[in-house]
Structure formats: C-alpha cells, structure tokens
C-alpha cells in the first residue's frame, strides 16, 4: 500500500529550505555583536573599623585677667577716680574704717573657705541696720595690704515685715551657671518700679537660705538673692535703711558703673566668648576692668558688736 504525504508546492518548499539554511549559516559565520555594557565604577572598599566620630571644635576661652600687685593698685586708683565722678554720694573711708572693712571681708572669706588667687575687686556689703553700706575692696593674693576704694548707701533685707527676709551673710559668686537679666521698668500695683528703670542690670546670685525677718524663731527659707537698682522716683532716696525683701538694693548710678566696668562680671566675660546669651546681656560699650571680680561678700558688723 502506498502512502503519499501532502507536500506544498515545489517552489514554496525550496524557498523555505533555502532561507532556513541561509539563516543558520549566517548565525554560525558572523553572530550579531552584543551592545556594549554601561561602565560601572568600582565599589568603594568596605570600612575596616568603626566610623570616625565628628569632633566639635575646641572653645577658645580667654583666660581671666591677672595683674601684678603694682598694676592692680594703679587700676584701683583709676576706678576710684571714676567712682568719685560718676556715683553721687560715693565716699571714701578713714584708715581705721578701711581696716575694719578688710578684716570683715577676710573673716567672711575664711568662713566660706574662699581663697584669693588673682587681684580682684570684692563687693562687700554690711547688712548692719546701722550701716547699710557697700564698700569695694581690692583683694590681692600675695599682699596683706588690701586696698579699700570706698562705697555708698544700699538697702538690705528688712526685719519685722511679713515675707521679708534678712539678707544672708556669706560669699556669693556671680557664676555663668545662672544668667542675670535687665529690668523691664514695669510698675507694681503701687506704681513702684521694684527693679529700677528699664535697662537696669539685675545680678542673680542664686537660691540662698535666709532668715525670715518676720519670725521670732529665726526660721529660714530660700530666696533668690539678687543685686539690683530700685525705683528712682520713690525709693532710691531711702537707701541706707533696711527695706528690701532680702536682695541688695543699690543706686542707679552704681548699677550703671558696675555694669559698664564689669565689676562682678569676670566670669560672664569668659562666657560671652562662646555663649550669645551673655554677649546679649553685657553692654556693647562696656570697658571691663582687669581687676573685675565675681564675689558679693555680705557681712554684719552688728554681730561683732553684740547686736542681734
């Protein structure tokens, strides 16, 4: 039996075989070149250790000014002449009184275990109700002959009035741990500007324990001890008598003088080199004294006189 397979037309079959052989031969003889691959940069080597920590730039803090005794005495005389010109009611003291101020300041420094390691001005306040004065003293580290410049009237804490504290005795440092401020010049319900006119400086000496002046048992509480001006219209004329709630009130002229010459701002000047808050607080036109200090020394001559 014969079987015939169906075949397409001879012409069509020949062409199909021809194209098949041609395509196969072309592929074997000359394959199509591949497209070039994109150039990839070599991978960065893997880190071999822990990533380096970014180190903050070192602070360039200026050192505290340090004058020898002779230069410090000369600067004290310069300050004294300026105080006489610029602070009304400023007074120098007799040699006997100068010795008393120095002795009280030294005794209080010893009680608080504070040493003098550079020539500096101390703000010494006598809270004795019969005295109520401030006296500026140049303390020298290597010389017992300290220099007393003089001072003026102040007011400290009043006894016998409720919520009024006795200004504590001790050595209190104007530290950059606390940022002082300036008075807004606002008036209370009695029309009094308790911190003085707008712009007056307020030195913040921190929280301190103080005797409650209205209690017979001398119970203590904490106050925020400050140095500030007072109302120039109603209260400044009364300086020289205990009147404050525990702070140290000073005349406006003395406030401006201390602010401009930085008498308690030696550490603030350092802080201003790296902290804009202190630069903003300190006056731009200031001329800080090289014998500026940072210590308020509150003494009580009444205690040595046997007074309460």
C-alpha atoms as a PDB file:
ATOM      1  CA  UNK A   1       0.000   0.000   0.000  1.00  0.00           C
ATOM      2  CA  UNK A   2       1.439   3.473  -0.901  1.00  0.00           C
ATOM      3  CA  UNK A   3       1.120   6.432   1.253  1.00  0.00           C
ATOM      4  CA  UNK A   4       1.567   9.906  -0.238  1.00  0.00           C
ATOM      5  CA  UNK A   5       2.431  12.775   2.115  1.00  0.00           C
ATOM      6  CA  UNK A   6       0.930  16.091   1.219  1.00  0.00           C
ATOM      7  CA  UNK A   7       3.661  18.485   0.055  1.00  0.00           C
ATOM      8  CA  UNK A   8       3.250  22.119  -0.663  1.00  0.00           C
ATOM      9  CA  UNK A   9       4.135  23.403  -3.998  1.00  0.00           C
ATOM     10  CA  UNK A  10       7.718  22.624  -5.017  1.00  0.00           C
ATOM     11  CA  UNK A  11       8.634  26.308  -5.356  1.00  0.00           C
ATOM     12  CA  UNK A  12       7.440  27.197  -1.901  1.00  0.00           C
ATOM     13  CA  UNK A  13       9.202  24.225  -0.308  1.00  0.00           C
ATOM     14  CA  UNK A  14      12.500  25.103  -1.968  1.00  0.00           C
ATOM     15  CA  UNK A  15      12.368  28.688  -0.740  1.00  0.00           C
ATOM     16  CA  UNK A  16      11.620  27.597   2.844  1.00  0.00           C
ATOM     17  CA  UNK A  17      14.614  25.258   2.891  1.00  0.00           C
ATOM     18  CA  UNK A  18      16.832  27.946   1.326  1.00  0.00           C
ATOM     19  CA  UNK A  19      16.026  30.615   3.905  1.00  0.00           C
ATOM     20  CA  UNK A  20      16.435  28.149   6.732  1.00  0.00           C
ATOM     21  CA  UNK A  21      19.925  27.160   5.590  1.00  0.00           C
ATOM     22  CA  UNK A  22      20.861  30.809   4.987  1.00  0.00           C
ATOM     23  CA  UNK A  23      19.803  31.930   8.457  1.00  0.00           C
ATOM     24  CA  UNK A  24      21.623  29.056  10.121  1.00  0.00           C
ATOM     25  CA  UNK A  25      24.818  29.705   8.226  1.00  0.00           C
ATOM     26  CA  UNK A  26      24.758  33.424   8.892  1.00  0.00           C
ATOM     27  CA  UNK A  27      24.345  32.823  12.583  1.00  0.00           C
ATOM     28  CA  UNK A  28      27.283  30.450  12.660  1.00  0.00           C
ATOM     29  CA  UNK A  29      29.531  32.522  10.460  1.00  0.00           C
ATOM     30  CA  UNK A  30      29.017  36.047  11.826  1.00  0.00           C
ATOM     31  CA  UNK A  31      26.972  36.335  15.041  1.00  0.00           C
ATOM     32  CA  UNK A  32      25.472  39.769  15.836  1.00  0.00           C
ATOM     33  CA  UNK A  33      27.754  41.725  18.225  1.00  0.00           C
ATOM     34  CA  UNK A  34      26.360  42.437  21.699  1.00  0.00           C
ATOM     35  CA  UNK A  35      25.603  46.009  22.746  1.00  0.00           C
ATOM     36  CA  UNK A  36      28.310  47.480  24.991  1.00  0.00           C
ATOM     37  CA  UNK A  37      27.514  47.399  28.742  1.00  0.00           C
ATOM     38  CA  UNK A  38      27.429  50.562  30.812  1.00  0.00           C
ATOM     39  CA  UNK A  39      30.651  51.337  32.651  1.00  0.00           C
ATOM     40  CA  UNK A  40      30.132  50.854  36.396  1.00  0.00           C
ATOM     41  CA  UNK A  41      32.661  52.479  38.808  1.00  0.00           C
ATOM     42  CA  UNK A  42      34.379  50.103  41.164  1.00  0.00           C
ATOM     43  CA  UNK A  43      32.700  49.695  44.535  1.00  0.00           C
ATOM     44  CA  UNK A  44      34.235  51.506  47.477  1.00  0.00           C
ATOM     45  CA  UNK A  45      36.141  49.253  49.802  1.00  0.00           C
ATOM     46  CA  UNK A  46      34.234  48.179  52.882  1.00  0.00           C
ATOM     47  CA  UNK A  47      35.183  50.074  56.066  1.00  0.00           C
ATOM     48  CA  UNK A  48      37.588  48.183  58.236  1.00  0.00           C
ATOM     49  CA  UNK A  49      36.799  49.942  61.536  1.00  0.00           C
ATOM     50  CA  UNK A  50      34.093  51.933  63.358  1.00  0.00           C
ATOM     51  CA  UNK A  51      33.017  55.210  61.685  1.00  0.00           C
ATOM     52  CA  UNK A  52      35.019  58.241  62.887  1.00  0.00           C
ATOM     53  CA  UNK A  53      33.140  60.495  65.300  1.00  0.00           C
ATOM     54  CA  UNK A  54      32.836  64.171  64.485  1.00  0.00           C
ATOM     55  CA  UNK A  55      34.834  66.210  66.988  1.00  0.00           C
ATOM     56  CA  UNK A  56      33.449  69.613  67.981  1.00  0.00           C
ATOM     57  CA  UNK A  57      35.939  72.455  67.627  1.00  0.00           C
ATOM     58  CA  UNK A  58      37.646  73.405  70.868  1.00  0.00           C
ATOM     59  CA  UNK A  59      36.366  76.524  72.609  1.00  0.00           C
ATOM     60  CA  UNK A  60      38.840  79.379  72.712  1.00  0.00           C
ATOM     61  CA  UNK A  61      38.015  80.751  76.183  1.00  0.00           C
ATOM     62  CA  UNK A  62      40.089  83.774  77.162  1.00  0.00           C
ATOM     63  CA  UNK A  63      41.932  83.491  80.473  1.00  0.00           C
ATOM     64  CA  UNK A  64      40.961  85.555  83.486  1.00  0.00           C
ATOM     65  CA  UNK A  65      42.869  88.848  83.616  1.00  0.00           C
ATOM     66  CA  UNK A  66      45.783  88.768  86.029  1.00  0.00           C
ATOM     67  CA  UNK A  67      47.665  91.894  87.076  1.00  0.00           C
ATOM     68  CA  UNK A  68      50.622  92.077  89.418  1.00  0.00           C
ATOM     69  CA  UNK A  69      50.106  93.988  92.671  1.00  0.00           C
ATOM     70  CA  UNK A  70      51.533  97.262  91.374  1.00  0.00           C
ATOM     71  CA  UNK A  71      49.406  97.276  88.225  1.00  0.00           C
ATOM     72  CA  UNK A  72      46.328  96.252  90.232  1.00  0.00           C
ATOM     73  CA  UNK A  73      46.804  99.143  92.640  1.00  0.00           C
ATOM     74  CA  UNK A  74      47.108 101.552  89.726  1.00  0.00           C
ATOM     75  CA  UNK A  75      43.896 100.219  88.199  1.00  0.00           C
ATOM     76  CA  UNK A  76      42.161 100.557  91.590  1.00  0.00           C
ATOM     77  CA  UNK A  77      43.104 104.237  91.693  1.00  0.00           C
ATOM     78  CA  UNK A  78      41.718 104.660  88.184  1.00  0.00           C
ATOM     79  CA  UNK A  79      38.416 103.092  89.271  1.00  0.00           C
ATOM     80  CA  UNK A  80      38.332 105.226  92.407  1.00  0.00           C
ATOM     81  CA  UNK A  81      38.616 108.458  90.427  1.00  0.00           C
ATOM     82  CA  UNK A  82      35.852 107.296  88.079  1.00  0.00           C
ATOM     83  CA  UNK A  83      33.603 106.372  91.026  1.00  0.00           C
ATOM     84  CA  UNK A  84      34.033 109.820  92.532  1.00  0.00           C
ATOM     85  CA  UNK A  85      32.985 111.417  89.249  1.00  0.00           C
ATOM     86  CA  UNK A  86      30.098 109.159  88.323  1.00  0.00           C
ATOM     87  CA  UNK A  87      28.448 107.959  91.539  1.00  0.00           C
ATOM     88  CA  UNK A  88      26.638 110.585  93.659  1.00  0.00           C
ATOM     89  CA  UNK A  89      27.134 110.198  97.419  1.00  0.00           C
ATOM     90  CA  UNK A  90      30.190 107.994  96.872  1.00  0.00           C
ATOM     91  CA  UNK A  91      32.518 108.250  99.875  1.00  0.00           C
ATOM     92  CA  UNK A  92      35.975 107.036 100.745  1.00  0.00           C
ATOM     93  CA  UNK A  93      36.653 105.776 104.275  1.00  0.00           C
ATOM     94  CA  UNK A  94      39.128 106.553 107.008  1.00  0.00           C
ATOM     95  CA  UNK A  95      42.161 104.333 107.568  1.00  0.00           C
ATOM     96  CA  UNK A  96      40.516 102.871 110.673  1.00  0.00           C
ATOM     97  CA  UNK A  97      37.302 102.063 108.813  1.00  0.00           C
ATOM     98  CA  UNK A  98      39.301 100.646 105.916  1.00  0.00           C
ATOM     99  CA  UNK A  99      40.969  98.187 108.281  1.00  0.00           C
ATOM    100  CA  UNK A 100      37.553  97.182 109.601  1.00  0.00           C
ATOM    101  CA  UNK A 101      36.173  96.535 106.112  1.00  0.00           C
ATOM    102  CA  UNK A 102      39.196  94.446 105.172  1.00  0.00           C
ATOM    103  CA  UNK A 103      39.029  92.455 108.422  1.00  0.00           C
ATOM    104  CA  UNK A 104      35.317  91.669 107.927  1.00  0.00           C
ATOM    105  CA  UNK A 105      35.862  90.662 104.306  1.00  0.00           C
ATOM    106  CA  UNK A 106      38.799  88.397 105.196  1.00  0.00           C
ATOM    107  CA  UNK A 107      36.847  86.748 108.012  1.00  0.00           C
ATOM    108  CA  UNK A 108      33.863  86.018 105.758  1.00  0.00           C
ATOM    109  CA  UNK A 109      36.097  84.646 103.001  1.00  0.00           C
ATOM    110  CA  UNK A 110      37.750  82.352 105.543  1.00  0.00           C
ATOM    111  CA  UNK A 111      34.388  81.097 106.833  1.00  0.00           C
ATOM    112  CA  UNK A 112      33.349  80.273 103.274  1.00  0.00           C
ATOM    113  CA  UNK A 113      36.762  78.731 102.529  1.00  0.00           C
ATOM    114  CA  UNK A 114      37.344  81.016  99.577  1.00  0.00           C
ATOM    115  CA  UNK A 115      40.887  81.934  98.574  1.00  0.00           C
ATOM    116  CA  UNK A 116      42.044  84.898  96.519  1.00  0.00           C
ATOM    117  CA  UNK A 117      44.100  83.661  93.574  1.00  0.00           C
ATOM    118  CA  UNK A 118      44.215  86.861  91.476  1.00  0.00           C
ATOM    119  CA  UNK A 119      43.942  90.592  92.102  1.00  0.00           C
ATOM    120  CA  UNK A 120      40.218  91.374  92.080  1.00  0.00           C
ATOM    121  CA  UNK A 121      37.579  93.744  93.384  1.00  0.00           C
ATOM    122  CA  UNK A 122      35.225  92.448  96.078  1.00  0.00           C
ATOM    123  CA  UNK A 123      31.778  93.968  96.590  1.00  0.00           C
ATOM    124  CA  UNK A 124      31.473  93.992 100.391  1.00  0.00           C
ATOM    125  CA  UNK A 125      28.045  94.826 101.867  1.00  0.00           C
ATOM    126  CA  UNK A 126      27.494  95.430 105.570  1.00  0.00           C
ATOM    127  CA  UNK A 127      23.905  94.484 106.420  1.00  0.00           C
ATOM    128  CA  UNK A 128      24.124  96.012 109.915  1.00  0.00           C
ATOM    129  CA  UNK A 129      20.933  98.123 110.184  1.00  0.00           C
ATOM    130  CA  UNK A 130      23.088 100.982 111.495  1.00  0.00           C
ATOM    131  CA  UNK A 131      25.440 100.831 108.489  1.00  0.00           C
ATOM    132  CA  UNK A 132      23.700  99.644 105.286  1.00  0.00           C
ATOM    133  CA  UNK A 133      26.612 100.397 103.001  1.00  0.00           C
ATOM    134  CA  UNK A 134      28.648  98.804 100.251  1.00  0.00           C
ATOM    135  CA  UNK A 135      32.413  99.123 100.095  1.00  0.00           C
ATOM    136  CA  UNK A 136      34.612  97.982  97.210  1.00  0.00           C
ATOM    137  CA  UNK A 137      37.862  96.322  98.256  1.00  0.00           C
ATOM    138  CA  UNK A 138      40.804  95.327  96.072  1.00  0.00           C
ATOM    139  CA  UNK A 139      41.911  91.888  97.295  1.00  0.00           C
ATOM    140  CA  UNK A 140      45.473  90.832  96.496  1.00  0.00           C
ATOM    141  CA  UNK A 141      46.653  87.214  96.528  1.00  0.00           C
ATOM    142  CA  UNK A 142      50.217  87.860  97.692  1.00  0.00           C
ATOM    143  CA  UNK A 143      49.883  91.046  99.718  1.00  0.00           C
ATOM    144  CA  UNK A 144      48.074  91.629 103.001  1.00  0.00           C
ATOM    145  CA  UNK A 145      47.743  95.346 102.285  1.00  0.00           C
ATOM    146  CA  UNK A 146      44.383  95.224 100.527  1.00  0.00           C
ATOM    147  CA  UNK A 147      43.061  98.491  99.061  1.00  0.00           C
ATOM    148  CA  UNK A 148      39.706  99.926 100.146  1.00  0.00           C
ATOM    149  CA  UNK A 149      38.210 102.156  97.471  1.00  0.00           C
ATOM    150  CA  UNK A 150      35.049 103.336  99.212  1.00  0.00           C
ATOM    151  CA  UNK A 151      31.336 102.986  98.619  1.00  0.00           C
ATOM    152  CA  UNK A 152      27.832 104.307  99.061  1.00  0.00           C
ATOM    153  CA  UNK A 153      24.444 103.569 100.608  1.00  0.00           C
ATOM    154  CA  UNK A 154      22.464 100.381  99.983  1.00  0.00           C
ATOM    155  CA  UNK A 155      19.421  98.649 101.432  1.00  0.00           C
ATOM    156  CA  UNK A 156      19.269  95.016 102.539  1.00  0.00           C
ATOM    157  CA  UNK A 157      16.501  92.807 103.959  1.00  0.00           C
ATOM    158  CA  UNK A 158      14.065  94.309 106.423  1.00  0.00           C
ATOM    159  CA  UNK A 159      13.124  92.658 109.702  1.00  0.00           C
ATOM    160  CA  UNK A 160       9.635  92.662 111.212  1.00  0.00           C
ATOM    161  CA  UNK A 161       7.709  92.696 107.938  1.00  0.00           C
ATOM    162  CA  UNK A 162       5.918  89.594 106.713  1.00  0.00           C
ATOM    163  CA  UNK A 163       7.525  87.819 103.764  1.00  0.00           C
ATOM    164  CA  UNK A 164      10.646  89.976 104.080  1.00  0.00           C
ATOM    165  CA  UNK A 165      13.885  88.070 104.675  1.00  0.00           C
ATOM    166  CA  UNK A 166      17.182  89.126 106.218  1.00  0.00           C
ATOM    167  CA  UNK A 167      19.856  89.289 103.545  1.00  0.00           C
ATOM    168  CA  UNK A 168      22.102  86.279 104.279  1.00  0.00           C
ATOM    169  CA  UNK A 169      25.756  86.715 105.129  1.00  0.00           C
ATOM    170  CA  UNK A 170      28.319  84.841 103.067  1.00  0.00           C
ATOM    171  CA  UNK A 171      30.279  84.910  99.821  1.00  0.00           C
ATOM    172  CA  UNK A 172      28.087  84.708  96.730  1.00  0.00           C
ATOM    173  CA  UNK A 173      29.556  84.248  93.257  1.00  0.00           C
ATOM    174  CA  UNK A 174      28.172  85.715  90.041  1.00  0.00           C
ATOM    175  CA  UNK A 175      28.537  82.459  88.135  1.00  0.00           C
ATOM    176  CA  UNK A 176      27.648  81.783  84.466  1.00  0.00           C
ATOM    177  CA  UNK A 177      25.659  78.832  85.801  1.00  0.00           C
ATOM    178  CA  UNK A 178      22.948  81.477  86.093  1.00  0.00           C
ATOM    179  CA  UNK A 179      22.062  84.165  83.584  1.00  0.00           C
ATOM    180  CA  UNK A 180      21.166  87.545  85.022  1.00  0.00           C
ATOM    181  CA  UNK A 181      18.800  89.924  83.269  1.00  0.00           C
ATOM    182  CA  UNK A 182      17.712  93.533  82.903  1.00  0.00           C
ATOM    183  CA  UNK A 183      14.773  95.339  84.446  1.00  0.00           C
ATOM    184  CA  UNK A 184      11.715  95.926  82.301  1.00  0.00           C
ATOM    185  CA  UNK A 185      10.813  99.070  84.217  1.00  0.00           C
ATOM    186  CA  UNK A 186       7.296  97.824  84.907  1.00  0.00           C
ATOM    187  CA  UNK A 187       5.357  99.219  87.868  1.00  0.00           C
ATOM    188  CA  UNK A 188       3.524  97.197  90.505  1.00  0.00           C
ATOM    189  CA  UNK A 189       0.041  97.928  91.826  1.00  0.00           C
ATOM    190  CA  UNK A 190       1.501 100.790  93.890  1.00  0.00           C
ATOM    191  CA  UNK A 191       3.240 102.385  90.911  1.00  0.00           C
ATOM    192  CA  UNK A 192       6.693 101.270  92.082  1.00  0.00           C
ATOM    193  CA  UNK A 193       9.396 100.031  89.734  1.00  0.00           C
ATOM    194  CA  UNK A 194      10.872  97.473  92.075  1.00  0.00           C
ATOM    195  CA  UNK A 195      13.971  96.716  89.974  1.00  0.00           C
ATOM    196  CA  UNK A 196      14.522 100.287  88.874  1.00  0.00           C
ATOM    197  CA  UNK A 197      14.182 101.932  85.496  1.00  0.00           C
ATOM    198  CA  UNK A 198      14.104  99.945  82.285  1.00  0.00           C
ATOM    199  CA  UNK A 199      17.506  98.545  81.364  1.00  0.00           C
ATOM    200  CA  UNK A 200      18.939  98.446  84.861  1.00  0.00           C
ATOM    201  CA  UNK A 201      21.084  95.381  85.448  1.00  0.00           C
ATOM    202  CA  UNK A 202      19.997  92.575  87.792  1.00  0.00           C
ATOM    203  CA  UNK A 203      22.770  90.285  89.098  1.00  0.00           C
ATOM    204  CA  UNK A 204      21.385  86.869  90.018  1.00  0.00           C
ATOM    205  CA  UNK A 205      23.336  85.261  92.865  1.00  0.00           C
ATOM    206  CA  UNK A 206      21.191  82.130  93.019  1.00  0.00           C
ATOM    207  CA  UNK A 207      18.923  80.487  95.593  1.00  0.00           C
ATOM    208  CA  UNK A 208      20.125  81.096  99.151  1.00  0.00           C
ATOM    209  CA  UNK A 209      18.870  80.288 102.646  1.00  0.00           C
ATOM    210  CA  UNK A 210      17.802  83.347 104.626  1.00  0.00           C
ATOM    211  CA  UNK A 211      16.182  84.093 107.974  1.00  0.00           C
ATOM    212  CA  UNK A 212      12.516  85.013 107.786  1.00  0.00           C
ATOM    213  CA  UNK A 213      12.580  88.519 109.163  1.00  0.00           C
ATOM    214  CA  UNK A 214       9.026  88.370 110.498  1.00  0.00           C
ATOM    215  CA  UNK A 215       9.542  85.285 112.705  1.00  0.00           C
ATOM    216  CA  UNK A 216      10.946  85.393 116.223  1.00  0.00           C
ATOM    217  CA  UNK A 217      12.229  81.818 115.968  1.00  0.00           C
ATOM    218  CA  UNK A 218      14.511  82.801 113.055  1.00  0.00           C
ATOM    219  CA  UNK A 219      13.161  80.094 110.829  1.00  0.00           C
ATOM    220  CA  UNK A 220      14.808  80.064 107.423  1.00  0.00           C
ATOM    221  CA  UNK A 221      13.530  79.830 103.885  1.00  0.00           C
ATOM    222  CA  UNK A 222      15.018  80.143 100.434  1.00  0.00           C
ATOM    223  CA  UNK A 223      15.180  83.371  98.453  1.00  0.00           C
ATOM    224  CA  UNK A 224      16.558  84.299  95.075  1.00  0.00           C
ATOM    225  CA  UNK A 225      19.357  86.646  96.108  1.00  0.00           C
ATOM    226  CA  UNK A 226      19.815  89.493  93.641  1.00  0.00           C
ATOM    227  CA  UNK A 227      21.608  92.815  93.352  1.00  0.00           C
ATOM    228  CA  UNK A 228      19.503  95.442  91.622  1.00  0.00           C
ATOM    229  CA  UNK A 229      18.508  99.094  91.471  1.00  0.00           C
ATOM    230  CA  UNK A 230      15.269 100.429  92.929  1.00  0.00           C
ATOM    231  CA  UNK A 231      12.589 102.914  91.995  1.00  0.00           C
ATOM    232  CA  UNK A 232      14.446 106.146  91.162  1.00  0.00           C
ATOM    233  CA  UNK A 233      11.489 108.369  91.988  1.00  0.00           C
ATOM    234  CA  UNK A 234      10.256 106.969  95.289  1.00  0.00           C
ATOM    235  CA  UNK A 235      12.738 104.537  96.847  1.00  0.00           C
ATOM    236  CA  UNK A 236      16.288 105.447  95.877  1.00  0.00           C
ATOM    237  CA  UNK A 237      16.331 108.373  98.284  1.00  0.00           C
ATOM    238  CA  UNK A 238      15.574 105.921 101.115  1.00  0.00           C
ATOM    239  CA  UNK A 239      18.681 103.810 100.552  1.00  0.00           C
ATOM    240  CA  UNK A 240      20.750 103.466 103.705  1.00  0.00           C
ATOM    241  CA  UNK A 241      17.987 101.730 105.674  1.00  0.00           C
ATOM    242  CA  UNK A 242      16.837  98.071 105.626  1.00  0.00           C
ATOM    243  CA  UNK A 243      13.951  97.946 103.177  1.00  0.00           C
ATOM    244  CA  UNK A 244      14.252  95.045 100.742  1.00  0.00           C
ATOM    245  CA  UNK A 245      12.682  91.595 100.733  1.00  0.00           C
ATOM    246  CA  UNK A 246      16.174  90.122 101.044  1.00  0.00           C
ATOM    247  CA  UNK A 247      18.028  91.394  97.983  1.00  0.00           C
ATOM    248  CA  UNK A 248      20.678  94.109  97.887  1.00  0.00           C
ATOM    249  CA  UNK A 249      19.326  97.380  96.514  1.00  0.00           C
ATOM    250  CA  UNK A 250      21.868  99.796  95.043  1.00  0.00           C
ATOM    251  CA  UNK A 251      21.680 103.277  93.477  1.00  0.00           C
ATOM    252  CA  UNK A 252      21.092 103.513  89.730  1.00  0.00           C
ATOM    253  CA  UNK A 253      24.428 105.285  89.186  1.00  0.00           C
ATOM    254  CA  UNK A 254      26.285 102.456  90.905  1.00  0.00           C
ATOM    255  CA  UNK A 255      24.275  99.926  88.895  1.00  0.00           C
ATOM    256  CA  UNK A 256      25.418 101.562  85.654  1.00  0.00           C
ATOM    257  CA  UNK A 257      29.008 101.813  86.836  1.00  0.00           C
ATOM    258  CA  UNK A 258      29.227  98.162  87.847  1.00  0.00           C
ATOM    259  CA  UNK A 259      27.582  97.138  84.586  1.00  0.00           C
ATOM    260  CA  UNK A 260      29.874  99.200  82.350  1.00  0.00           C
ATOM    261  CA  UNK A 261      33.100  98.235  84.143  1.00  0.00           C
ATOM    262  CA  UNK A 262      32.049  94.627  84.742  1.00  0.00           C
ATOM    263  CA  UNK A 263      32.973  94.735  88.432  1.00  0.00           C
ATOM    264  CA  UNK A 264      31.231  91.388  89.099  1.00  0.00           C
ATOM    265  CA  UNK A 265      31.351  90.032  85.552  1.00  0.00           C
ATOM    266  CA  UNK A 266      34.783  88.459  85.158  1.00  0.00           C
ATOM    267  CA  UNK A 267      33.265  85.008  84.575  1.00  0.00           C
ATOM    268  CA  UNK A 268      30.497  86.451  82.397  1.00  0.00           C
ATOM    269  CA  UNK A 269      33.160  87.915  80.105  1.00  0.00           C
ATOM    270  CA  UNK A 270      34.558  84.433  79.617  1.00  0.00           C
ATOM    271  CA  UNK A 271      31.086  83.027  78.961  1.00  0.00           C
ATOM    272  CA  UNK A 272      30.407  85.766  76.397  1.00  0.00           C
ATOM    273  CA  UNK A 273      33.218  84.341  74.253  1.00  0.00           C
ATOM    274  CA  UNK A 274      31.155  81.221  73.490  1.00  0.00           C
ATOM    275  CA  UNK A 275      27.557  81.928  74.545  1.00  0.00           C
ATOM    276  CA  UNK A 276      25.477  84.547  72.774  1.00  0.00           C
ATOM    277  CA  UNK A 277      23.134  84.956  75.742  1.00  0.00           C
ATOM    278  CA  UNK A 278      25.900  86.550  77.780  1.00  0.00           C
ATOM    279  CA  UNK A 279      27.018  88.714  74.856  1.00  0.00           C
ATOM    280  CA  UNK A 280      23.444  89.969  74.573  1.00  0.00           C
ATOM    281  CA  UNK A 281      23.255  90.776  78.296  1.00  0.00           C
ATOM    282  CA  UNK A 282      26.537  92.651  78.661  1.00  0.00           C
ATOM    283  CA  UNK A 283      26.586  96.241  77.354  1.00  0.00           C
ATOM    284  CA  UNK A 284      28.241  96.738  73.990  1.00  0.00           C
ATOM    285  CA  UNK A 285      30.083  99.870  75.106  1.00  0.00           C
ATOM    286  CA  UNK A 286      31.487  98.237  78.250  1.00  0.00           C
ATOM    287  CA  UNK A 287      35.094  98.666  79.343  1.00  0.00           C
ATOM    288  CA  UNK A 288      35.654  95.760  81.746  1.00  0.00           C
ATOM    289  CA  UNK A 289      38.265  96.388  84.391  1.00  0.00           C
ATOM    290  CA  UNK A 290      41.215  93.977  84.547  1.00  0.00           C
ATOM    291  CA  UNK A 291      40.656  93.747  88.305  1.00  0.00           C
ATOM    292  CA  UNK A 292      36.972  92.873  87.948  1.00  0.00           C
ATOM    293  CA  UNK A 293      35.816  90.030  90.174  1.00  0.00           C
ATOM    294  CA  UNK A 294      32.719  87.919  90.732  1.00  0.00           C
ATOM    295  CA  UNK A 295      32.122  87.937  94.508  1.00  0.00           C
ATOM    296  CA  UNK A 296      29.483  89.626  96.640  1.00  0.00           C
ATOM    297  CA  UNK A 297      30.588  89.427 100.287  1.00  0.00           C
ATOM    298  CA  UNK A 298      27.800  90.145 102.779  1.00  0.00           C
ATOM    299  CA  UNK A 299      28.976  90.807 106.351  1.00  0.00           C
ATOM    300  CA  UNK A 300      27.302  92.013 109.530  1.00  0.00           C
ATOM    301  CA  UNK A 301      29.314  94.288 111.772  1.00  0.00           C
ATOM    302  CA  UNK A 302      26.443  94.178 114.285  1.00  0.00           C
ATOM    303  CA  UNK A 303      27.364  90.602 115.152  1.00  0.00           C
ATOM    304  CA  UNK A 304      30.818  91.653 116.292  1.00  0.00           C
ATOM    305  CA  UNK A 305      29.247  94.434 118.326  1.00  0.00           C
ATOM    306  CA  UNK A 306      26.995  92.028 120.215  1.00  0.00           C
ATOM    307  CA  UNK A 307      23.854  93.227 118.461  1.00  0.00           C
ATOM    308  CA  UNK A 308      21.041  90.967 117.273  1.00  0.00           C
END
